[in-house]
N, C-alpha and C. Protein backbone atom coordinates (compact mmCIF):
# COMPACT_ATOMS: atom_id res chain seq x y z
N MET A 1 -28.48 -52.77 19.25
CA MET A 1 -27.57 -52.73 18.35
C MET A 1 -28.28 -53.97 17.07
N SER A 2 -28.76 -53.82 16.14
CA SER A 2 -29.21 -54.51 15.24
C SER A 2 -28.44 -55.14 14.62
N ARG A 3 -28.85 -56.30 14.06
CA ARG A 3 -27.97 -57.20 13.44
C ARG A 3 -26.74 -56.71 12.32
N ALA A 4 -27.31 -55.94 11.57
CA ALA A 4 -26.94 -55.56 10.32
C ALA A 4 -25.61 -54.41 11.04
N HIS A 5 -26.13 -53.89 12.04
CA HIS A 5 -25.04 -52.70 12.81
C HIS A 5 -24.07 -53.58 13.10
N ALA A 6 -24.65 -54.57 14.00
CA ALA A 6 -23.65 -55.43 14.62
C ALA A 6 -22.44 -56.08 13.79
N ALA A 7 -23.17 -56.63 12.70
CA ALA A 7 -22.17 -57.07 11.82
C ALA A 7 -21.10 -56.16 11.18
N LEU A 8 -21.37 -55.14 10.97
CA LEU A 8 -20.79 -54.12 10.60
C LEU A 8 -19.60 -53.21 11.44
N PHE A 9 -20.08 -53.14 12.76
CA PHE A 9 -19.56 -52.18 13.58
C PHE A 9 -19.41 -52.81 15.15
N GLY A 10 -19.88 -54.01 15.24
CA GLY A 10 -19.62 -54.70 16.28
C GLY A 10 -18.14 -54.99 16.82
N LEU A 11 -18.00 -55.13 18.03
CA LEU A 11 -16.58 -55.23 18.53
C LEU A 11 -16.23 -56.53 19.35
N ARG A 12 -17.37 -57.61 19.17
CA ARG A 12 -17.33 -58.50 20.19
C ARG A 12 -16.32 -59.48 19.81
N GLY A 13 -15.57 -60.00 20.82
CA GLY A 13 -14.34 -60.83 20.53
C GLY A 13 -13.10 -60.16 20.27
N ARG A 14 -13.07 -58.70 20.03
CA ARG A 14 -12.17 -57.86 20.24
C ARG A 14 -11.77 -56.94 21.98
N VAL A 15 -10.43 -56.75 21.95
CA VAL A 15 -10.23 -55.91 23.06
C VAL A 15 -9.75 -54.65 22.48
N ALA A 16 -10.31 -53.35 23.27
CA ALA A 16 -10.03 -52.09 23.21
C ALA A 16 -9.02 -51.52 24.31
N LEU A 17 -7.89 -51.20 24.19
CA LEU A 17 -6.63 -50.76 25.13
C LEU A 17 -6.84 -48.94 25.13
N VAL A 18 -7.44 -48.12 26.11
CA VAL A 18 -7.70 -46.91 25.98
C VAL A 18 -6.88 -46.37 27.08
N THR A 19 -5.96 -45.87 26.61
CA THR A 19 -5.08 -44.95 27.40
C THR A 19 -5.93 -43.53 27.91
N GLY A 20 -5.69 -43.11 29.16
CA GLY A 20 -6.42 -41.95 29.79
C GLY A 20 -7.68 -42.34 29.73
N GLY A 21 -8.23 -43.30 29.83
CA GLY A 21 -9.61 -43.88 30.12
C GLY A 21 -10.53 -43.59 31.55
N THR A 22 -9.75 -42.94 32.16
CA THR A 22 -10.57 -42.69 33.76
C THR A 22 -11.31 -41.59 33.33
N ARG A 23 -11.08 -40.50 32.86
CA ARG A 23 -11.82 -39.20 32.49
C ARG A 23 -12.19 -38.76 31.06
N GLY A 24 -13.12 -37.90 31.14
CA GLY A 24 -13.60 -37.38 29.68
C GLY A 24 -13.69 -38.18 28.52
N LEU A 25 -13.21 -37.75 27.58
CA LEU A 25 -13.19 -38.66 26.33
C LEU A 25 -13.13 -40.09 26.26
N GLY A 26 -11.71 -40.28 27.23
CA GLY A 26 -11.13 -41.49 27.17
C GLY A 26 -12.38 -42.47 28.13
N ARG A 27 -12.74 -42.23 28.99
CA ARG A 27 -13.92 -42.61 29.97
C ARG A 27 -15.32 -42.85 28.99
N GLU A 28 -15.58 -42.16 28.30
CA GLU A 28 -16.82 -42.35 27.35
C GLU A 28 -16.57 -43.30 26.29
N MET A 29 -15.05 -43.15 25.81
CA MET A 29 -14.76 -44.09 24.54
C MET A 29 -14.60 -45.65 25.21
N ALA A 30 -14.13 -45.85 26.47
CA ALA A 30 -14.02 -47.01 26.98
C ALA A 30 -15.39 -47.51 26.98
N LEU A 31 -16.21 -46.75 27.51
CA LEU A 31 -17.93 -47.35 27.65
C LEU A 31 -18.46 -47.50 26.29
N ALA A 32 -18.13 -46.68 25.16
CA ALA A 32 -18.87 -46.90 24.11
C ALA A 32 -17.97 -48.40 23.58
N PHE A 33 -17.02 -48.52 23.67
CA PHE A 33 -16.40 -49.98 23.23
C PHE A 33 -16.98 -50.96 23.64
N ALA A 34 -17.13 -50.93 25.24
CA ALA A 34 -17.86 -52.00 25.93
C ALA A 34 -19.37 -52.16 25.54
N HIS A 35 -19.96 -51.02 25.24
CA HIS A 35 -21.32 -51.27 24.90
C HIS A 35 -21.45 -52.04 23.37
N ALA A 36 -20.57 -51.62 22.43
CA ALA A 36 -20.32 -52.22 21.24
C ALA A 36 -19.69 -53.88 21.21
N GLY A 37 -19.46 -54.06 22.34
CA GLY A 37 -19.29 -55.66 22.59
C GLY A 37 -17.55 -55.93 22.72
N ALA A 38 -16.71 -54.90 22.91
CA ALA A 38 -15.39 -54.93 22.92
C ALA A 38 -15.17 -55.45 24.64
N ASP A 39 -14.42 -56.05 24.92
CA ASP A 39 -13.53 -56.16 26.40
C ASP A 39 -12.77 -54.84 26.30
N VAL A 40 -12.57 -54.39 27.55
CA VAL A 40 -11.67 -52.95 27.63
C VAL A 40 -10.65 -53.24 28.73
N VAL A 41 -9.38 -52.57 28.15
CA VAL A 41 -8.51 -52.25 29.14
C VAL A 41 -8.29 -50.86 29.24
N VAL A 42 -8.55 -50.51 30.70
CA VAL A 42 -8.53 -48.78 30.83
C VAL A 42 -7.25 -48.74 31.53
N ALA A 43 -6.40 -47.94 30.87
CA ALA A 43 -5.17 -47.49 31.37
C ALA A 43 -4.61 -46.13 31.83
N SER A 44 -4.24 -45.86 32.95
CA SER A 44 -4.00 -44.56 33.09
C SER A 44 -2.96 -44.27 34.44
N ARG A 45 -2.31 -43.24 34.51
CA ARG A 45 -1.36 -43.16 35.61
C ARG A 45 -2.09 -43.63 37.19
N ASN A 46 -3.08 -43.58 37.18
CA ASN A 46 -3.64 -43.52 38.58
C ASN A 46 -4.35 -45.04 38.75
N LEU A 47 -3.79 -46.17 39.32
CA LEU A 47 -4.37 -47.37 39.11
C LEU A 47 -5.75 -47.24 39.90
N ALA A 48 -5.89 -46.59 41.07
CA ALA A 48 -7.43 -46.73 41.50
C ALA A 48 -8.47 -46.41 41.01
N ASN A 49 -8.27 -45.09 39.90
CA ASN A 49 -9.18 -44.75 39.43
C ASN A 49 -9.67 -45.48 38.09
N CYS A 50 -8.51 -46.15 37.48
CA CYS A 50 -8.94 -47.37 36.45
C CYS A 50 -9.53 -48.44 37.14
N GLU A 51 -9.28 -48.82 38.18
CA GLU A 51 -10.14 -50.07 38.77
C GLU A 51 -11.37 -49.53 39.21
N GLU A 52 -11.64 -48.08 39.60
CA GLU A 52 -13.21 -47.68 39.51
C GLU A 52 -13.81 -47.64 38.02
N ILE A 53 -13.22 -47.21 37.18
CA ILE A 53 -13.80 -47.01 35.84
C ILE A 53 -14.09 -48.69 35.37
N ALA A 54 -13.64 -49.49 35.30
CA ALA A 54 -13.22 -50.82 34.93
C ALA A 54 -14.53 -51.46 35.47
N THR A 55 -14.55 -51.40 36.92
CA THR A 55 -16.04 -52.00 37.64
C THR A 55 -16.98 -51.44 37.25
N GLU A 56 -17.22 -49.93 36.97
CA GLU A 56 -18.17 -49.37 36.41
C GLU A 56 -18.61 -49.74 34.88
N ILE A 57 -17.91 -50.51 34.12
CA ILE A 57 -17.94 -50.48 32.84
C ILE A 57 -18.61 -52.19 32.83
N SER A 58 -17.66 -52.95 33.70
CA SER A 58 -18.26 -54.30 33.60
C SER A 58 -19.65 -54.29 34.23
N LYS A 59 -20.02 -53.47 35.29
CA LYS A 59 -21.58 -53.19 35.63
C LYS A 59 -22.47 -53.04 34.66
N ALA A 60 -22.08 -51.97 34.24
CA ALA A 60 -23.08 -51.31 33.08
C ALA A 60 -23.14 -51.85 31.81
N THR A 61 -22.23 -52.92 31.48
CA THR A 61 -22.30 -53.83 29.88
C THR A 61 -22.35 -55.23 29.88
N GLY A 62 -21.77 -55.50 31.15
CA GLY A 62 -21.52 -56.84 31.24
C GLY A 62 -20.16 -57.30 30.51
N ARG A 63 -19.65 -56.82 30.13
CA ARG A 63 -18.14 -57.05 29.50
C ARG A 63 -17.00 -57.31 30.65
N GLN A 64 -15.88 -57.80 30.08
CA GLN A 64 -14.77 -57.55 30.79
C GLN A 64 -14.07 -56.21 30.76
N ALA A 65 -13.66 -55.73 31.79
CA ALA A 65 -13.04 -54.51 31.87
C ALA A 65 -11.64 -54.59 33.04
N TYR A 66 -10.59 -54.45 32.39
CA TYR A 66 -9.42 -54.65 33.04
C TYR A 66 -8.57 -53.35 33.49
N ALA A 67 -8.14 -53.23 34.52
CA ALA A 67 -7.32 -51.67 34.91
C ALA A 67 -5.79 -52.04 34.96
N ARG A 68 -5.31 -50.95 34.59
CA ARG A 68 -3.80 -50.80 34.39
C ARG A 68 -3.12 -49.93 34.60
N GLN A 69 -2.08 -50.13 35.31
CA GLN A 69 -1.43 -48.48 35.44
C GLN A 69 -0.10 -47.94 34.38
N LEU A 70 -0.06 -46.97 33.90
CA LEU A 70 0.92 -46.72 33.16
C LEU A 70 2.19 -46.19 33.66
């Protein structure tokens, strides 16, 4: 991400809460928020799936990712 782009659209220092973040669009949004610099909370009804995606996000982006069950 360029400096100008990061200044306008970067999410470093922010936390994104993504409900339904274990599949489909929710999963992709969680990854996109992390790539933009946000730490991410992945929330869904299935905690095991949340933990799996949170681990994947942390490894792929280096950002903190947390799993929470709804």
